[in-house]
Amino acid sequence: MKPRTPRRSAPLRPLPIAAVAGSLLLLAGCNIAAIERAHYEVTEVQSFKTAGAPSRVMMLEIIDANNTFSDDFWRMAMSDHGYVPRLRFVTDPTDIADGETLKPENRVVAVVNPEQSTMRGKLCTDPASLPMDDSSDKVIVRFGFCVGDKIISETRAHYNKAQFAKQVESNADTINYQLFPRHLRDNNDRRCSPFLPGC
């Protein structure tokens, strides 16, 4: 009778990247906000930062019925994030240095706890913020890049109320990436591959 050969156990496989990333998100959950996919009204992005803010300075307009944070907090939390060239935000049009140019009509609007109809064009023309509901543990903020009365890009973030300030700061990169992307796919061009940077 032949001796039995011991069975080899299968080699350990590394965890899939998605599983590892998911675990890290859970571990870092207190600083992660849920940010929705952005909506764009244009398909070219060359002027998002260069023409929109020739001196890399842009107005930041905060609409918050509760005045949760100071203008200075928002200005500092949102500045110097995203793709290069990074923007410096100001809440006062006089807060610019000599030689800087500000286009006050080009601005980012942030509405804390927005009224349901505050989206798309209304975000630029008539944004409305509602008082906070104490029963909710979430805070919604809608962000939009406006040129005059026209919306160019917008996104919505869901923050944890207990970590609101920390999450605004730690997720500012993502908000800036969403509002000011480097490339957008041209959905109207059927010959345009999603893998080409200009598409």
C-alpha atoms as a PDB file:
ATOM      1  CA  MET A   1       0.000   0.000   0.000  1.00  0.00           C
ATOM      2  CA  LYS A   2       1.362   3.364  -1.072  1.00  0.00           C
ATOM      3  CA  PRO A   3       1.857   5.980   1.608  1.00  0.00           C
ATOM      4  CA  ARG A   4      -0.439   8.941   1.227  1.00  0.00           C
ATOM      5  CA  THR A   5       1.161  12.106   0.022  1.00  0.00           C
ATOM      6  CA  PRO A   6       0.237  15.042   2.214  1.00  0.00           C
ATOM      7  CA  ARG A   7      -1.998  17.540   0.527  1.00  0.00           C
ATOM      8  CA  ARG A   8      -0.501  20.940  -0.062  1.00  0.00           C
ATOM      9  CA  SER A   9      -2.614  23.824   0.984  1.00  0.00           C
ATOM     10  CA  ALA A  10      -3.246  26.417  -1.721  1.00  0.00           C
ATOM     11  CA  PRO A  11      -0.782  29.319  -1.634  1.00  0.00           C
ATOM     12  CA  LEU A  12      -2.112  32.420   0.000  1.00  0.00           C
ATOM     13  CA  ARG A  13      -3.225  34.939  -2.589  1.00  0.00           C
ATOM     14  CA  PRO A  14      -2.906  38.641  -1.996  1.00  0.00           C
ATOM     15  CA  LEU A  15      -6.167  40.400  -1.294  1.00  0.00           C
ATOM     16  CA  PRO A  16      -7.728  42.164  -4.272  1.00  0.00           C
ATOM     17  CA  ILE A  17      -6.935  45.879  -4.433  1.00  0.00           C
ATOM     18  CA  ALA A  18     -10.632  46.754  -4.088  1.00  0.00           C
ATOM     19  CA  ALA A  19     -10.865  44.798  -0.826  1.00  0.00           C
ATOM     20  CA  VAL A  20      -7.773  46.491   0.581  1.00  0.00           C
ATOM     21  CA  ALA A  21      -9.011  49.919  -0.500  1.00  0.00           C
ATOM     22  CA  GLY A  22     -12.409  49.201   1.039  1.00  0.00           C
ATOM     23  CA  SER A  23     -10.779  48.245   4.332  1.00  0.00           C
ATOM     24  CA  LEU A  24      -8.716  51.423   4.322  1.00  0.00           C
ATOM     25  CA  LEU A  25     -11.848  53.469   3.677  1.00  0.00           C
ATOM     26  CA  LEU A  26     -13.513  51.837   6.659  1.00  0.00           C
ATOM     27  CA  LEU A  27     -10.461  52.514   8.822  1.00  0.00           C
ATOM     28  CA  ALA A  28     -10.307  56.130   7.712  1.00  0.00           C
ATOM     29  CA  GLY A  29     -14.073  56.521   7.735  1.00  0.00           C
ATOM     30  CA  CYS A  30     -14.176  59.468  10.096  1.00  0.00           C
ATOM     31  CA  ASN A  31     -12.481  61.673   7.481  1.00  0.00           C
ATOM     32  CA  ILE A  32     -14.173  60.338   4.347  1.00  0.00           C
ATOM     33  CA  ALA A  33     -17.216  62.152   2.987  1.00  0.00           C
ATOM     34  CA  ALA A  34     -19.541  60.748   0.337  1.00  0.00           C
ATOM     35  CA  ILE A  35     -19.071  62.954  -2.721  1.00  0.00           C
ATOM     36  CA  GLU A  36     -21.358  62.474  -5.695  1.00  0.00           C
ATOM     37  CA  ARG A  37     -20.225  62.373  -9.300  1.00  0.00           C
ATOM     38  CA  ALA A  38     -20.010  65.875 -10.731  1.00  0.00           C
ATOM     39  CA  HIS A  39     -22.370  67.345 -13.325  1.00  0.00           C
ATOM     40  CA  TYR A  40     -20.844  69.403 -16.153  1.00  0.00           C
ATOM     41  CA  GLU A  41     -22.460  71.866 -18.529  1.00  0.00           C
ATOM     42  CA  VAL A  42     -19.405  72.080 -20.805  1.00  0.00           C
ATOM     43  CA  THR A  43     -17.195  69.526 -22.517  1.00  0.00           C
ATOM     44  CA  GLU A  44     -13.929  71.475 -22.711  1.00  0.00           C
ATOM     45  CA  VAL A  45     -11.991  72.270 -19.594  1.00  0.00           C
ATOM     46  CA  GLN A  46      -9.031  74.354 -20.779  1.00  0.00           C
ATOM     47  CA  SER A  47     -10.438  77.548 -19.264  1.00  0.00           C
ATOM     48  CA  PHE A  48     -11.626  76.083 -15.970  1.00  0.00           C
ATOM     49  CA  LYS A  49      -8.646  77.512 -14.104  1.00  0.00           C
ATOM     50  CA  THR A  50      -6.536  79.540 -16.504  1.00  0.00           C
ATOM     51  CA  ALA A  51      -9.217  81.811 -17.977  1.00  0.00           C
ATOM     52  CA  GLY A  52     -11.524  81.367 -14.990  1.00  0.00           C
ATOM     53  CA  ALA A  53      -8.849  82.599 -12.576  1.00  0.00           C
ATOM     54  CA  PRO A  54      -5.975  84.230 -14.468  1.00  0.00           C
ATOM     55  CA  SER A  55      -4.059  84.947 -11.259  1.00  0.00           C
ATOM     56  CA  ARG A  56      -5.107  81.674  -9.638  1.00  0.00           C
ATOM     57  CA  VAL A  57      -7.411  83.617  -7.320  1.00  0.00           C
ATOM     58  CA  MET A  58     -11.149  82.961  -7.284  1.00  0.00           C
ATOM     59  CA  MET A  59     -14.132  84.138  -5.256  1.00  0.00           C
ATOM     60  CA  LEU A  60     -15.723  81.664  -2.839  1.00  0.00           C
ATOM     61  CA  GLU A  61     -19.329  82.422  -1.929  1.00  0.00           C
ATOM     62  CA  ILE A  62     -20.692  80.607   1.131  1.00  0.00           C
ATOM     63  CA  ILE A  63     -24.458  80.316   1.657  1.00  0.00           C
ATOM     64  CA  ASP A  64     -25.212  78.896   5.108  1.00  0.00           C
ATOM     65  CA  ALA A  65     -28.378  79.680   7.064  1.00  0.00           C
ATOM     66  CA  ASN A  66     -26.640  78.556  10.271  1.00  0.00           C
ATOM     67  CA  ASN A  67     -23.318  80.353   9.699  1.00  0.00           C
ATOM     68  CA  THR A  68     -21.648  77.134  10.838  1.00  0.00           C
ATOM     69  CA  PHE A  69     -18.085  78.242  10.034  1.00  0.00           C
ATOM     70  CA  SER A  70     -16.394  81.567   9.395  1.00  0.00           C
ATOM     71  CA  ASP A  71     -15.515  82.732   5.896  1.00  0.00           C
ATOM     72  CA  ASP A  72     -11.849  82.379   6.869  1.00  0.00           C
ATOM     73  CA  PHE A  73     -12.341  78.701   7.684  1.00  0.00           C
ATOM     74  CA  TRP A  74     -13.915  77.995   4.280  1.00  0.00           C
ATOM     75  CA  ARG A  75     -11.315  80.065   2.439  1.00  0.00           C
ATOM     76  CA  MET A  76      -8.376  78.269   4.073  1.00  0.00           C
ATOM     77  CA  ALA A  77      -9.978  74.809   3.914  1.00  0.00           C
ATOM     78  CA  MET A  78     -10.719  75.004   0.182  1.00  0.00           C
ATOM     79  CA  SER A  79      -7.555  76.776  -1.051  1.00  0.00           C
ATOM     80  CA  ASP A  80      -4.474  75.127  -2.581  1.00  0.00           C
ATOM     81  CA  HIS A  81      -6.080  71.794  -3.437  1.00  0.00           C
ATOM     82  CA  GLY A  82      -6.681  69.873  -6.636  1.00  0.00           C
ATOM     83  CA  TYR A  83      -4.702  69.826  -9.854  1.00  0.00           C
ATOM     84  CA  VAL A  84      -2.008  72.386 -10.556  1.00  0.00           C
ATOM     85  CA  PRO A  85      -2.449  75.327 -10.962  1.00  0.00           C
ATOM     86  CA  ARG A  86      -4.101  75.325  -7.560  1.00  0.00           C
ATOM     87  CA  LEU A  87      -6.530  78.065  -6.665  1.00  0.00           C
ATOM     88  CA  ARG A  88      -6.457  80.430  -3.729  1.00  0.00           C
ATOM     89  CA  PHE A  89      -9.993  81.329  -2.714  1.00  0.00           C
ATOM     90  CA  VAL A  90     -11.065  84.668  -1.277  1.00  0.00           C
ATOM     91  CA  THR A  91     -14.389  85.648   0.236  1.00  0.00           C
ATOM     92  CA  ASP A  92     -13.724  89.385  -0.039  1.00  0.00           C
ATOM     93  CA  PRO A  93     -12.935  90.798  -3.513  1.00  0.00           C
ATOM     94  CA  THR A  94     -10.506  93.310  -1.987  1.00  0.00           C
ATOM     95  CA  ASP A  95      -8.376  90.502  -0.522  1.00  0.00           C
ATOM     96  CA  ILE A  96      -6.017  90.251  -3.493  1.00  0.00           C
ATOM     97  CA  ALA A  97      -2.374  91.242  -3.877  1.00  0.00           C
ATOM     98  CA  ASP A  98      -0.967  93.851  -6.249  1.00  0.00           C
ATOM     99  CA  GLY A  99      -0.786  92.471  -9.776  1.00  0.00           C
ATOM    100  CA  GLU A 100      -3.463  89.819  -9.162  1.00  0.00           C
ATOM    101  CA  THR A 101      -6.610  89.808 -11.269  1.00  0.00           C
ATOM    102  CA  LEU A 102      -9.925  88.635  -9.920  1.00  0.00           C
ATOM    103  CA  LYS A 103     -12.991  87.870 -12.011  1.00  0.00           C
ATOM    104  CA  PRO A 104     -15.781  88.277  -9.444  1.00  0.00           C
ATOM    105  CA  GLU A 105     -18.359  86.740 -11.802  1.00  0.00           C
ATOM    106  CA  ASN A 106     -16.293  83.523 -11.852  1.00  0.00           C
ATOM    107  CA  ARG A 107     -16.767  81.961  -8.447  1.00  0.00           C
ATOM    108  CA  VAL A 108     -17.312  78.791  -6.491  1.00  0.00           C
ATOM    109  CA  VAL A 109     -20.615  78.735  -4.621  1.00  0.00           C
ATOM    110  CA  ALA A 110     -20.995  76.431  -1.604  1.00  0.00           C
ATOM    111  CA  VAL A 111     -24.485  75.996  -0.157  1.00  0.00           C
ATOM    112  CA  VAL A 112     -24.753  74.262   3.213  1.00  0.00           C
ATOM    113  CA  ASN A 113     -27.990  72.287   3.662  1.00  0.00           C
ATOM    114  CA  PRO A 114     -29.368  73.519   0.327  1.00  0.00           C
ATOM    115  CA  GLU A 115     -33.034  73.898  -0.468  1.00  0.00           C
ATOM    116  CA  GLN A 116     -34.082  71.057  -2.788  1.00  0.00           C
ATOM    117  CA  SER A 117     -34.357  73.313  -5.837  1.00  0.00           C
ATOM    118  CA  THR A 118     -30.860  74.788  -5.295  1.00  0.00           C
ATOM    119  CA  MET A 119     -29.079  73.032  -8.124  1.00  0.00           C
ATOM    120  CA  ARG A 120     -27.912  73.648 -11.694  1.00  0.00           C
ATOM    121  CA  GLY A 121     -28.547  77.272 -12.760  1.00  0.00           C
ATOM    122  CA  LYS A 122     -30.295  78.194  -9.506  1.00  0.00           C
ATOM    123  CA  LEU A 123     -27.063  77.479  -7.678  1.00  0.00           C
ATOM    124  CA  CYS A 124     -25.599  80.522  -9.453  1.00  0.00           C
ATOM    125  CA  THR A 125     -28.665  82.782  -9.528  1.00  0.00           C
ATOM    126  CA  ASP A 126     -30.666  82.125  -6.361  1.00  0.00           C
ATOM    127  CA  PRO A 127     -28.972  79.698  -3.937  1.00  0.00           C
ATOM    128  CA  ALA A 128     -30.954  78.998  -0.767  1.00  0.00           C
ATOM    129  CA  SER A 129     -29.769  77.367   2.459  1.00  0.00           C
ATOM    130  CA  LEU A 130     -32.143  75.928   5.060  1.00  0.00           C
ATOM    131  CA  PRO A 131     -31.558  75.817   8.823  1.00  0.00           C
ATOM    132  CA  MET A 132     -30.029  72.535  10.004  1.00  0.00           C
ATOM    133  CA  ASP A 133     -32.278  69.696  11.060  1.00  0.00           C
ATOM    134  CA  ASP A 134     -31.066  68.556  14.490  1.00  0.00           C
ATOM    135  CA  SER A 135     -32.393  65.047  13.921  1.00  0.00           C
ATOM    136  CA  SER A 136     -29.994  64.383  11.030  1.00  0.00           C
ATOM    137  CA  ASP A 137     -26.385  63.281  11.510  1.00  0.00           C
ATOM    138  CA  LYS A 138     -25.475  64.297   7.937  1.00  0.00           C
ATOM    139  CA  VAL A 139     -24.741  67.686   6.396  1.00  0.00           C
ATOM    140  CA  ILE A 140     -25.167  68.157   2.655  1.00  0.00           C
ATOM    141  CA  VAL A 141     -23.179  70.840   0.845  1.00  0.00           C
ATOM    142  CA  ARG A 142     -23.673  71.576  -2.840  1.00  0.00           C
ATOM    143  CA  PHE A 143     -20.692  73.119  -4.624  1.00  0.00           C
ATOM    144  CA  GLY A 144     -20.804  74.804  -8.017  1.00  0.00           C
ATOM    145  CA  PHE A 145     -18.421  76.645 -10.311  1.00  0.00           C
ATOM    146  CA  CYS A 146     -20.366  79.579 -11.748  1.00  0.00           C
ATOM    147  CA  VAL A 147     -19.576  82.020 -14.518  1.00  0.00           C
ATOM    148  CA  GLY A 148     -22.082  84.798 -13.998  1.00  0.00           C
ATOM    149  CA  ASP A 149     -25.514  83.170 -14.013  1.00  0.00           C
ATOM    150  CA  LYS A 150     -24.310  79.983 -15.727  1.00  0.00           C
ATOM    151  CA  ILE A 151     -23.322  76.783 -13.977  1.00  0.00           C
ATOM    152  CA  ILE A 152     -20.180  75.137 -15.368  1.00  0.00           C
ATOM    153  CA  SER A 153     -19.710  72.260 -12.931  1.00  0.00           C
ATOM    154  CA  GLU A 154     -21.319  71.122  -9.712  1.00  0.00           C
ATOM    155  CA  THR A 155     -21.071  68.370  -7.138  1.00  0.00           C
ATOM    156  CA  ARG A 156     -22.682  67.467  -3.840  1.00  0.00           C
ATOM    157  CA  ALA A 157     -20.973  66.233  -0.676  1.00  0.00           C
ATOM    158  CA  HIS A 158     -22.508  64.372   2.254  1.00  0.00           C
ATOM    159  CA  TYR A 159     -20.555  65.100   5.442  1.00  0.00           C
ATOM    160  CA  ASN A 160     -20.852  63.557   8.883  1.00  0.00           C
ATOM    161  CA  LYS A 161     -22.156  66.299  11.181  1.00  0.00           C
ATOM    162  CA  ALA A 162     -19.887  65.278  14.078  1.00  0.00           C
ATOM    163  CA  GLN A 163     -16.826  65.471  11.779  1.00  0.00           C
ATOM    164  CA  PHE A 164     -18.025  68.315   9.554  1.00  0.00           C
ATOM    165  CA  ALA A 165     -15.028  70.665   9.858  1.00  0.00           C
ATOM    166  CA  LYS A 166     -12.457  67.875   9.595  1.00  0.00           C
ATOM    167  CA  GLN A 167     -14.191  66.357   6.555  1.00  0.00           C
ATOM    168  CA  VAL A 168     -14.448  69.694   4.733  1.00  0.00           C
ATOM    169  CA  GLU A 169     -10.692  70.072   5.087  1.00  0.00           C
ATOM    170  CA  SER A 170      -9.728  66.484   4.287  1.00  0.00           C
ATOM    171  CA  ASN A 171     -12.014  66.220   1.243  1.00  0.00           C
ATOM    172  CA  ALA A 172     -11.235  69.605  -0.332  1.00  0.00           C
ATOM    173  CA  ASP A 173      -8.931  67.892  -2.861  1.00  0.00           C
ATOM    174  CA  THR A 174     -11.806  65.793  -4.189  1.00  0.00           C
ATOM    175  CA  ILE A 175     -14.171  68.765  -4.413  1.00  0.00           C
ATOM    176  CA  ASN A 176     -11.586  70.739  -6.405  1.00  0.00           C
ATOM    177  CA  TYR A 177     -10.871  67.756  -8.692  1.00  0.00           C
ATOM    178  CA  GLN A 178     -14.606  67.449  -9.337  1.00  0.00           C
ATOM    179  CA  LEU A 179     -15.228  71.136 -10.017  1.00  0.00           C
ATOM    180  CA  PHE A 180     -12.047  71.715 -12.033  1.00  0.00           C
ATOM    181  CA  PRO A 181     -11.170  68.506 -13.890  1.00  0.00           C
ATOM    182  CA  ARG A 182      -8.202  68.276 -16.228  1.00  0.00           C
ATOM    183  CA  HIS A 183     -10.097  66.364 -18.876  1.00  0.00           C
ATOM    184  CA  LEU A 184     -13.704  65.652 -19.731  1.00  0.00           C
ATOM    185  CA  ARG A 185     -15.026  63.074 -22.097  1.00  0.00           C
ATOM    186  CA  ASP A 186     -16.850  64.603 -25.048  1.00  0.00           C
ATOM    187  CA  ASN A 187     -20.044  62.552 -24.946  1.00  0.00           C
ATOM    188  CA  ASN A 188     -21.246  64.101 -28.214  1.00  0.00           C
ATOM    189  CA  ASP A 189     -18.317  62.735 -30.226  1.00  0.00           C
ATOM    190  CA  ARG A 190     -18.964  59.086 -31.087  1.00  0.00           C
ATOM    191  CA  ARG A 191     -15.427  58.674 -32.437  1.00  0.00           C
ATOM    192  CA  CYS A 192     -13.971  59.823 -29.132  1.00  0.00           C
ATOM    193  CA  SER A 193     -12.472  57.047 -27.016  1.00  0.00           C
ATOM    194  CA  PRO A 194     -12.940  57.285 -23.249  1.00  0.00           C
ATOM    195  CA  PHE A 195      -9.233  56.413 -22.975  1.00  0.00           C
ATOM    196  CA  LEU A 196      -8.069  59.514 -24.837  1.00  0.00           C
ATOM    197  CA  PRO A 197      -7.288  62.425 -22.501  1.00  0.00           C
ATOM    198  CA  GLY A 198      -9.142  65.020 -24.583  1.00  0.00           C
ATOM    199  CA  CYS A 199     -12.342  62.997 -24.734  1.00  0.00           C
END
